[in-house]
């Protein structure tokens, strides 16, 4: 694999007093060969920008436009994930 032995899918972990914790948010694709990315890696199901956008929006009140054009340019398709922090 030319050194790409760390895979594709990963996790995002949020910690802190404002986090609505005690849960796992997941869209588990499974490990069957047909579900693997490139036939070898766990398939990513969530754009990490959506997670970060959700936290920034809930915590600081940033608009969808600012998040999509300034924070993460050209990322309108990655919608902010709701309900991550109180």
PDB file of N, CA and C in Angstrom:
ATOM      1  N   UNK A   1       0.813  -1.198   0.000  1.00  0.00           N
ATOM      2  CA  UNK A   1       0.000   0.000   0.000  1.00  0.00           C
ATOM      3  C   UNK A   1       0.853   1.257   0.000  1.00  0.00           C
ATOM      4  N   UNK A   2       2.091   1.168  -0.334  1.00  0.00           N
ATOM      5  CA  UNK A   2       2.985   2.324  -0.428  1.00  0.00           C
ATOM      6  C   UNK A   2       3.047   3.133   0.860  1.00  0.00           C
ATOM      7  N   UNK A   3       2.984   2.447   1.999  1.00  0.00           N
ATOM      8  CA  UNK A   3       3.134   3.124   3.275  1.00  0.00           C
ATOM      9  C   UNK A   3       1.861   3.644   3.890  1.00  0.00           C
ATOM     10  N   UNK A   4       0.726   3.419   3.254  1.00  0.00           N
ATOM     11  CA  UNK A   4      -0.543   3.911   3.820  1.00  0.00           C
ATOM     12  C   UNK A   4      -1.161   2.821   4.686  1.00  0.00           C
ATOM     13  N   UNK A   5      -0.422   2.380   5.677  1.00  0.00           N
ATOM     14  CA  UNK A   5      -0.864   1.270   6.521  1.00  0.00           C
ATOM     15  C   UNK A   5      -1.715   1.709   7.705  1.00  0.00           C
ATOM     16  N   UNK A   6      -2.057   2.982   7.800  1.00  0.00           N
ATOM     17  CA  UNK A   6      -2.842   3.468   8.933  1.00  0.00           C
ATOM     18  C   UNK A   6      -4.333   3.527   8.638  1.00  0.00           C
ATOM     19  N   UNK A   7      -4.739   3.207   7.439  1.00  0.00           N
ATOM     20  CA  UNK A   7      -6.148   3.174   7.105  1.00  0.00           C
ATOM     21  C   UNK A   7      -6.723   4.528   6.754  1.00  0.00           C
ATOM     22  N   UNK A   8      -8.039   4.532   6.588  1.00  0.00           N
ATOM     23  CA  UNK A   8      -8.743   5.723   6.136  1.00  0.00           C
ATOM     24  C   UNK A   8      -9.694   6.253   7.194  1.00  0.00           C
ATOM     25  N   UNK A   9     -10.577   5.425   7.731  1.00  0.00           N
ATOM     26  CA  UNK A   9     -11.534   5.850   8.749  1.00  0.00           C
ATOM     27  C   UNK A   9     -10.855   6.040  10.089  1.00  0.00           C
ATOM     28  N   UNK A  10     -11.389   6.928  10.891  1.00  0.00           N
ATOM     29  CA  UNK A  10     -10.832   7.200  12.215  1.00  0.00           C
ATOM     30  C   UNK A  10     -11.954   7.612  13.150  1.00  0.00           C
ATOM     31  N   UNK A  11     -11.623   8.193  14.286  1.00  0.00           N
ATOM     32  CA  UNK A  11     -12.623   8.673  15.228  1.00  0.00           C
ATOM     33  C   UNK A  11     -12.388  10.137  15.526  1.00  0.00           C
ATOM     34  N   UNK A  12     -13.400  10.779  16.059  1.00  0.00           N
ATOM     35  CA  UNK A  12     -13.267  12.133  16.603  1.00  0.00           C
ATOM     36  C   UNK A  12     -13.755  12.039  18.037  1.00  0.00           C
ATOM     37  N   UNK A  13     -13.000  12.550  18.955  1.00  0.00           N
ATOM     38  CA  UNK A  13     -13.334  12.503  20.365  1.00  0.00           C
ATOM     39  C   UNK A  13     -13.483  13.930  20.869  1.00  0.00           C
ATOM     40  N   UNK A  14     -14.637  14.216  21.472  1.00  0.00           N
ATOM     41  CA  UNK A  14     -14.861  15.534  22.049  1.00  0.00           C
ATOM     42  C   UNK A  14     -14.820  15.403  23.565  1.00  0.00           C
ATOM     43  N   UNK A  15     -14.176  16.346  24.226  1.00  0.00           N
ATOM     44  CA  UNK A  15     -14.084  16.330  25.688  1.00  0.00           C
ATOM     45  C   UNK A  15     -14.269  17.749  26.204  1.00  0.00           C
ATOM     46  N   UNK A  16     -14.872  17.856  27.368  1.00  0.00           N
ATOM     47  CA  UNK A  16     -15.041  19.164  27.988  1.00  0.00           C
ATOM     48  C   UNK A  16     -16.382  19.277  28.667  1.00  0.00           C
ATOM     49  N   UNK A  17     -16.515  20.282  29.492  1.00  0.00           N
ATOM     50  CA  UNK A  17     -17.717  20.457  30.291  1.00  0.00           C
ATOM     51  C   UNK A  17     -18.970  20.741  29.492  1.00  0.00           C
ATOM     52  N   UNK A  18     -18.851  21.333  28.325  1.00  0.00           N
ATOM     53  CA  UNK A  18     -20.028  21.681  27.524  1.00  0.00           C
ATOM     54  C   UNK A  18     -20.459  20.559  26.581  1.00  0.00           C
ATOM     55  N   UNK A  19     -19.700  19.490  26.502  1.00  0.00           N
ATOM     56  CA  UNK A  19     -20.008  18.399  25.572  1.00  0.00           C
ATOM     57  C   UNK A  19     -21.188  17.589  26.091  1.00  0.00           C
ATOM     58  N   UNK A  20     -22.152  17.335  25.200  1.00  0.00           N
ATOM     59  CA  UNK A  20     -23.262  16.429  25.524  1.00  0.00           C
ATOM     60  C   UNK A  20     -22.719  15.015  25.354  1.00  0.00           C
ATOM     61  N   UNK A  21     -22.143  14.481  26.413  1.00  0.00           N
ATOM     62  CA  UNK A  21     -21.411  13.218  26.327  1.00  0.00           C
ATOM     63  C   UNK A  21     -22.249  11.989  26.629  1.00  0.00           C
ATOM     64  N   UNK A  22     -21.531  10.911  26.896  1.00  0.00           N
ATOM     65  CA  UNK A  22     -22.160   9.658  27.252  1.00  0.00           C
ATOM     66  C   UNK A  22     -22.783   8.931  26.083  1.00  0.00           C
ATOM     67  N   UNK A  23     -22.290   9.161  24.886  1.00  0.00           N
ATOM     68  CA  UNK A  23     -22.882   8.514  23.708  1.00  0.00           C
ATOM     69  C   UNK A  23     -21.845   8.353  22.609  1.00  0.00           C
ATOM     70  N   UNK A  24     -22.172   7.503  21.692  1.00  0.00           N
ATOM     71  CA  UNK A  24     -21.366   7.306  20.494  1.00  0.00           C
ATOM     72  C   UNK A  24     -22.258   7.654  19.311  1.00  0.00           C
ATOM     73  N   UNK A  25     -21.795   8.544  18.462  1.00  0.00           N
ATOM     74  CA  UNK A  25     -22.541   8.916  17.261  1.00  0.00           C
ATOM     75  C   UNK A  25     -21.826   8.251  16.101  1.00  0.00           C
ATOM     76  N   UNK A  26     -22.530   7.371  15.416  1.00  0.00           N
ATOM     77  CA  UNK A  26     -21.846   6.580  14.402  1.00  0.00           C
ATOM     78  C   UNK A  26     -22.786   6.148  13.287  1.00  0.00           C
ATOM     79  N   UNK A  27     -22.228   6.001  12.130  1.00  0.00           N
ATOM     80  CA  UNK A  27     -22.875   5.353  10.994  1.00  0.00           C
ATOM     81  C   UNK A  27     -21.917   4.233  10.612  1.00  0.00           C
ATOM     82  N   UNK A  28     -22.045   3.092  11.286  1.00  0.00           N
ATOM     83  CA  UNK A  28     -21.099   1.981  11.156  1.00  0.00           C
ATOM     84  C   UNK A  28     -21.326   1.241   9.840  1.00  0.00           C
ATOM     85  N   UNK A  29     -20.344   1.278   8.935  1.00  0.00           N
ATOM     86  CA  UNK A  29     -20.518   0.614   7.639  1.00  0.00           C
ATOM     87  C   UNK A  29     -20.262  -0.893   7.688  1.00  0.00           C
ATOM     88  N   UNK A  30     -19.586  -1.359   8.722  1.00  0.00           N
ATOM     89  CA  UNK A  30     -19.253  -2.778   8.814  1.00  0.00           C
ATOM     90  C   UNK A  30     -17.909  -3.089   8.189  1.00  0.00           C
ATOM     91  N   UNK A  31     -17.452  -4.299   8.430  1.00  0.00           N
ATOM     92  CA  UNK A  31     -16.122  -4.702   7.951  1.00  0.00           C
ATOM     93  C   UNK A  31     -16.170  -5.766   6.861  1.00  0.00           C
ATOM     94  N   UNK A  32     -17.341  -5.994   6.295  1.00  0.00           N
ATOM     95  CA  UNK A  32     -17.414  -6.922   5.159  1.00  0.00           C
ATOM     96  C   UNK A  32     -16.627  -6.332   4.001  1.00  0.00           C
ATOM     97  N   UNK A  33     -16.036  -7.175   3.219  1.00  0.00           N
ATOM     98  CA  UNK A  33     -15.196  -6.727   2.104  1.00  0.00           C
ATOM     99  C   UNK A  33     -15.931  -5.729   1.216  1.00  0.00           C
ATOM    100  N   UNK A  34     -17.209  -5.961   0.959  1.00  0.00           N
ATOM    101  CA  UNK A  34     -17.980  -5.063   0.093  1.00  0.00           C
ATOM    102  C   UNK A  34     -18.143  -3.669   0.695  1.00  0.00           C
ATOM    103  N   UNK A  35     -17.995  -3.527   2.004  1.00  0.00           N
ATOM    104  CA  UNK A  35     -18.169  -2.240   2.675  1.00  0.00           C
ATOM    105  C   UNK A  35     -16.863  -1.492   2.902  1.00  0.00           C
ATOM    106  N   UNK A  36     -15.743  -2.111   2.601  1.00  0.00           N
ATOM    107  CA  UNK A  36     -14.444  -1.487   2.851  1.00  0.00           C
ATOM    108  C   UNK A  36     -14.070  -0.494   1.750  1.00  0.00           C
ATOM    109  N   UNK A  37     -13.439   0.588   2.148  1.00  0.00           N
ATOM    110  CA  UNK A  37     -12.919   1.581   1.209  1.00  0.00           C
ATOM    111  C   UNK A  37     -11.686   0.987   0.528  1.00  0.00           C
ATOM    112  N   UNK A  38     -11.708   0.972  -0.796  1.00  0.00           N
ATOM    113  CA  UNK A  38     -10.615   0.404  -1.588  1.00  0.00           C
ATOM    114  C   UNK A  38     -10.337  -1.048  -1.217  1.00  0.00           C
ATOM    115  N   UNK A  39     -11.369  -1.740  -0.721  1.00  0.00           N
ATOM    116  CA  UNK A  39     -11.237  -3.153  -0.401  1.00  0.00           C
ATOM    117  C   UNK A  39     -10.332  -3.459   0.777  1.00  0.00           C
ATOM    118  N   UNK A  40      -9.989  -2.418   1.584  1.00  0.00           N
ATOM    119  CA  UNK A  40      -9.050  -2.680   2.678  1.00  0.00           C
ATOM    120  C   UNK A  40      -9.283  -1.858   3.935  1.00  0.00           C
ATOM    121  N   UNK A  41      -9.882  -0.676   3.829  1.00  0.00           N
ATOM    122  CA  UNK A  41      -9.963   0.240   4.968  1.00  0.00           C
ATOM    123  C   UNK A  41     -11.405   0.457   5.410  1.00  0.00           C
ATOM    124  N   UNK A  42     -11.576   0.786   6.697  1.00  0.00           N
ATOM    125  CA  UNK A  42     -12.871   1.192   7.198  1.00  0.00           C
ATOM    126  C   UNK A  42     -13.320   2.427   6.427  1.00  0.00           C
ATOM    127  N   UNK A  43     -14.548   2.377   5.905  1.00  0.00           N
ATOM    128  CA  UNK A  43     -15.049   3.467   5.071  1.00  0.00           C
ATOM    129  C   UNK A  43     -15.443   4.664   5.930  1.00  0.00           C
ATOM    130  N   UNK A  44     -14.938   5.858   5.623  1.00  0.00           N
ATOM    131  CA  UNK A  44     -15.355   7.063   6.348  1.00  0.00           C
ATOM    132  C   UNK A  44     -16.832   7.342   6.064  1.00  0.00           C
ATOM    133  N   UNK A  45     -17.586   7.722   7.082  1.00  0.00           N
ATOM    134  CA  UNK A  45     -19.009   8.004   6.903  1.00  0.00           C
ATOM    135  C   UNK A  45     -19.390   9.409   7.332  1.00  0.00           C
ATOM    136  N   UNK A  46     -18.505  10.107   8.011  1.00  0.00           N
ATOM    137  CA  UNK A  46     -18.783  11.464   8.481  1.00  0.00           C
ATOM    138  C   UNK A  46     -17.603  12.357   8.144  1.00  0.00           C
ATOM    139  N   UNK A  47     -17.899  13.501   7.570  1.00  0.00           N
ATOM    140  CA  UNK A  47     -16.865  14.482   7.274  1.00  0.00           C
ATOM    141  C   UNK A  47     -16.492  15.173   8.592  1.00  0.00           C
ATOM    142  N   UNK A  48     -15.239  15.109   8.988  1.00  0.00           N
ATOM    143  CA  UNK A  48     -14.799  15.699  10.249  1.00  0.00           C
ATOM    144  C   UNK A  48     -15.098  17.200  10.310  1.00  0.00           C
ATOM    145  N   UNK A  49     -15.152  17.857   9.163  1.00  0.00           N
ATOM    146  CA  UNK A  49     -15.505  19.278   9.145  1.00  0.00           C
ATOM    147  C   UNK A  49     -16.913  19.493   9.686  1.00  0.00           C
ATOM    148  N   UNK A  50     -17.815  18.529   9.486  1.00  0.00           N
ATOM    149  CA  UNK A  50     -19.172  18.640  10.023  1.00  0.00           C
ATOM    150  C   UNK A  50     -19.169  18.661  11.543  1.00  0.00           C
ATOM    151  N   UNK A  51     -18.322  17.845  12.137  1.00  0.00           N
ATOM    152  CA  UNK A  51     -18.205  17.802  13.596  1.00  0.00           C
ATOM    153  C   UNK A  51     -17.671  19.135  14.114  1.00  0.00           C
ATOM    154  N   UNK A  52     -16.584  19.609  13.535  1.00  0.00           N
ATOM    155  CA  UNK A  52     -15.968  20.865  13.986  1.00  0.00           C
ATOM    156  C   UNK A  52     -16.905  22.041  13.740  1.00  0.00           C
ATOM    157  N   UNK A  53     -17.565  22.054  12.586  1.00  0.00           N
ATOM    158  CA  UNK A  53     -18.528  23.119  12.298  1.00  0.00           C
ATOM    159  C   UNK A  53     -19.646  23.135  13.334  1.00  0.00           C
ATOM    160  N   UNK A  54     -20.150  21.968  13.709  1.00  0.00           N
ATOM    161  CA  UNK A  54     -21.220  21.899  14.704  1.00  0.00           C
ATOM    162  C   UNK A  54     -20.801  22.467  16.040  1.00  0.00           C
ATOM    163  N   UNK A  55     -19.602  22.142  16.484  1.00  0.00           N
ATOM    164  CA  UNK A  55     -19.096  22.669  17.750  1.00  0.00           C
ATOM    165  C   UNK A  55     -18.931  24.185  17.657  1.00  0.00           C
ATOM    166  N   UNK A  56     -18.328  24.675  16.588  1.00  0.00           N
ATOM    167  CA  UNK A  56     -18.119  26.114  16.426  1.00  0.00           C
ATOM    168  C   UNK A  56     -19.439  26.870  16.350  1.00  0.00           C
ATOM    169  N   UNK A  57     -20.416  26.284  15.675  1.00  0.00           N
ATOM    170  CA  UNK A  57     -21.706  26.947  15.552  1.00  0.00           C
ATOM    171  C   UNK A  57     -22.440  26.990  16.891  1.00  0.00           C
ATOM    172  N   UNK A  58     -22.483  25.863  17.596  1.00  0.00           N
ATOM    173  CA  UNK A  58     -23.174  25.816  18.882  1.00  0.00           C
ATOM    174  C   UNK A  58     -22.462  26.648  19.946  1.00  0.00           C
ATOM    175  N   UNK A  59     -21.159  26.626  19.951  1.00  0.00           N
ATOM    176  CA  UNK A  59     -20.391  27.303  20.998  1.00  0.00           C
ATOM    177  C   UNK A  59     -20.230  28.802  20.747  1.00  0.00           C
ATOM    178  N   UNK A  60     -20.066  29.185  19.477  1.00  0.00           N
ATOM    179  CA  UNK A  60     -19.757  30.576  19.169  1.00  0.00           C
ATOM    180  C   UNK A  60     -20.785  31.268  18.271  1.00  0.00           C
ATOM    181  N   UNK A  61     -21.796  30.538  17.843  1.00  0.00           N
ATOM    182  CA  UNK A  61     -22.860  31.131  17.034  1.00  0.00           C
ATOM    183  C   UNK A  61     -22.452  31.501  15.620  1.00  0.00           C
ATOM    184  N   UNK A  62     -21.434  30.844  15.079  1.00  0.00           N
ATOM    185  CA  UNK A  62     -21.008  31.159  13.712  1.00  0.00           C
ATOM    186  C   UNK A  62     -22.063  30.694  12.715  1.00  0.00           C
ATOM    187  N   UNK A  63     -22.283  31.472  11.691  1.00  0.00           N
ATOM    188  CA  UNK A  63     -23.300  31.149  10.687  1.00  0.00           C
ATOM    189  C   UNK A  63     -22.800  30.061   9.735  1.00  0.00           C
ATOM    190  N   UNK A  64     -23.754  29.414   9.060  1.00  0.00           N
ATOM    191  CA  UNK A  64     -23.410  28.412   8.042  1.00  0.00           C
ATOM    192  C   UNK A  64     -22.490  29.028   6.987  1.00  0.00           C
ATOM    193  N   UNK A  65     -22.792  30.261   6.578  1.00  0.00           N
ATOM    194  CA  UNK A  65     -22.008  30.924   5.543  1.00  0.00           C
ATOM    195  C   UNK A  65     -20.557  31.139   5.971  1.00  0.00           C
ATOM    196  N   UNK A  66     -20.346  31.630   7.186  1.00  0.00           N
ATOM    197  CA  UNK A  66     -18.984  31.860   7.682  1.00  0.00           C
ATOM    198  C   UNK A  66     -18.232  30.528   7.769  1.00  0.00           C
ATOM    199  N   UNK A  67     -18.898  29.507   8.269  1.00  0.00           N
ATOM    200  CA  UNK A  67     -18.254  28.196   8.384  1.00  0.00           C
ATOM    201  C   UNK A  67     -17.876  27.630   7.020  1.00  0.00           C
ATOM    202  N   UNK A  68     -18.770  27.788   6.041  1.00  0.00           N
ATOM    203  CA  UNK A  68     -18.554  27.206   4.708  1.00  0.00           C
ATOM    204  C   UNK A  68     -17.632  28.026   3.813  1.00  0.00           C
ATOM    205  N   UNK A  69     -17.504  29.312   4.093  1.00  0.00           N
ATOM    206  CA  UNK A  69     -16.696  30.153   3.214  1.00  0.00           C
ATOM    207  C   UNK A  69     -15.386  30.627   3.835  1.00  0.00           C
ATOM    208  N   UNK A  70     -15.375  30.803   5.163  1.00  0.00           N
ATOM    209  CA  UNK A  70     -14.193  31.357   5.816  1.00  0.00           C
ATOM    210  C   UNK A  70     -13.422  30.315   6.617  1.00  0.00           C
ATOM    211  N   UNK A  71     -14.122  29.590   7.490  1.00  0.00           N
ATOM    212  CA  UNK A  71     -13.448  28.606   8.342  1.00  0.00           C
ATOM    213  C   UNK A  71     -12.973  27.418   7.506  1.00  0.00           C
ATOM    214  N   UNK A  72     -13.882  26.850   6.712  1.00  0.00           N
ATOM    215  CA  UNK A  72     -13.556  25.741   5.812  1.00  0.00           C
ATOM    216  C   UNK A  72     -14.022  26.121   4.415  1.00  0.00           C
ATOM    217  N   UNK A  73     -13.211  26.863   3.653  1.00  0.00           N
ATOM    218  CA  UNK A  73     -13.621  27.309   2.327  1.00  0.00           C
ATOM    219  C   UNK A  73     -14.091  26.157   1.437  1.00  0.00           C
ATOM    220  N   UNK A  74     -15.133  26.430   0.665  1.00  0.00           N
ATOM    221  CA  UNK A  74     -15.697  25.464  -0.286  1.00  0.00           C
ATOM    222  C   UNK A  74     -16.173  24.180   0.390  1.00  0.00           C
ATOM    223  N   UNK A  75     -16.787  24.312   1.576  1.00  0.00           N
ATOM    224  CA  UNK A  75     -17.232  23.119   2.309  1.00  0.00           C
ATOM    225  C   UNK A  75     -18.728  23.125   2.604  1.00  0.00           C
ATOM    226  N   UNK A  76     -19.521  23.774   1.762  1.00  0.00           N
ATOM    227  CA  UNK A  76     -20.961  23.883   2.015  1.00  0.00           C
ATOM    228  C   UNK A  76     -21.631  22.514   2.132  1.00  0.00           C
ATOM    229  N   UNK A  77     -21.122  21.506   1.455  1.00  0.00           N
ATOM    230  CA  UNK A  77     -21.732  20.167   1.502  1.00  0.00           C
ATOM    231  C   UNK A  77     -21.563  19.506   2.875  1.00  0.00           C
ATOM    232  N   UNK A  78     -20.573  19.926   3.633  1.00  0.00           N
ATOM    233  CA  UNK A  78     -20.350  19.376   4.982  1.00  0.00           C
ATOM    234  C   UNK A  78     -21.165  20.208   5.965  1.00  0.00           C
ATOM    235  N   UNK A  79     -22.393  19.774   6.226  1.00  0.00           N
ATOM    236  CA  UNK A  79     -23.306  20.501   7.103  1.00  0.00           C
ATOM    237  C   UNK A  79     -22.889  20.369   8.567  1.00  0.00           C
ATOM    238  N   UNK A  80     -23.063  21.413   9.398  1.00  0.00           N
ATOM    239  CA  UNK A  80     -22.709  21.328  10.817  1.00  0.00           C
ATOM    240  C   UNK A  80     -23.517  20.247  11.525  1.00  0.00           C
ATOM    241  N   UNK A  81     -22.852  19.421  12.321  1.00  0.00           N
ATOM    242  CA  UNK A  81     -23.510  18.396  13.124  1.00  0.00           C
ATOM    243  C   UNK A  81     -24.123  19.092  14.342  1.00  0.00           C
ATOM    244  N   UNK A  82     -25.384  18.820  14.582  1.00  0.00           N
ATOM    245  CA  UNK A  82     -26.117  19.504  15.650  1.00  0.00           C
ATOM    246  C   UNK A  82     -26.063  18.730  16.961  1.00  0.00           C
ATOM    247  N   UNK A  83     -26.184  19.467  18.072  1.00  0.00           N
ATOM    248  CA  UNK A  83     -26.367  18.875  19.371  1.00  0.00           C
ATOM    249  C   UNK A  83     -25.152  18.244  20.023  1.00  0.00           C
ATOM    250  N   UNK A  84     -23.963  18.717  19.695  1.00  0.00           N
ATOM    251  CA  UNK A  84     -22.750  18.139  20.290  1.00  0.00           C
ATOM    252  C   UNK A  84     -22.392  18.798  21.621  1.00  0.00           C
ATOM    253  N   UNK A  85     -22.743  20.071  21.757  1.00  0.00           N
ATOM    254  CA  UNK A  85     -22.442  20.787  23.003  1.00  0.00           C
ATOM    255  C   UNK A  85     -23.709  21.471  23.513  1.00  0.00           C
ATOM    256  N   UNK A  86     -23.703  21.777  24.818  1.00  0.00           N
ATOM    257  CA  UNK A  86     -24.859  22.448  25.431  1.00  0.00           C
ATOM    258  C   UNK A  86     -24.657  23.942  25.445  1.00  0.00           C
TER     259      UNK A  86
END
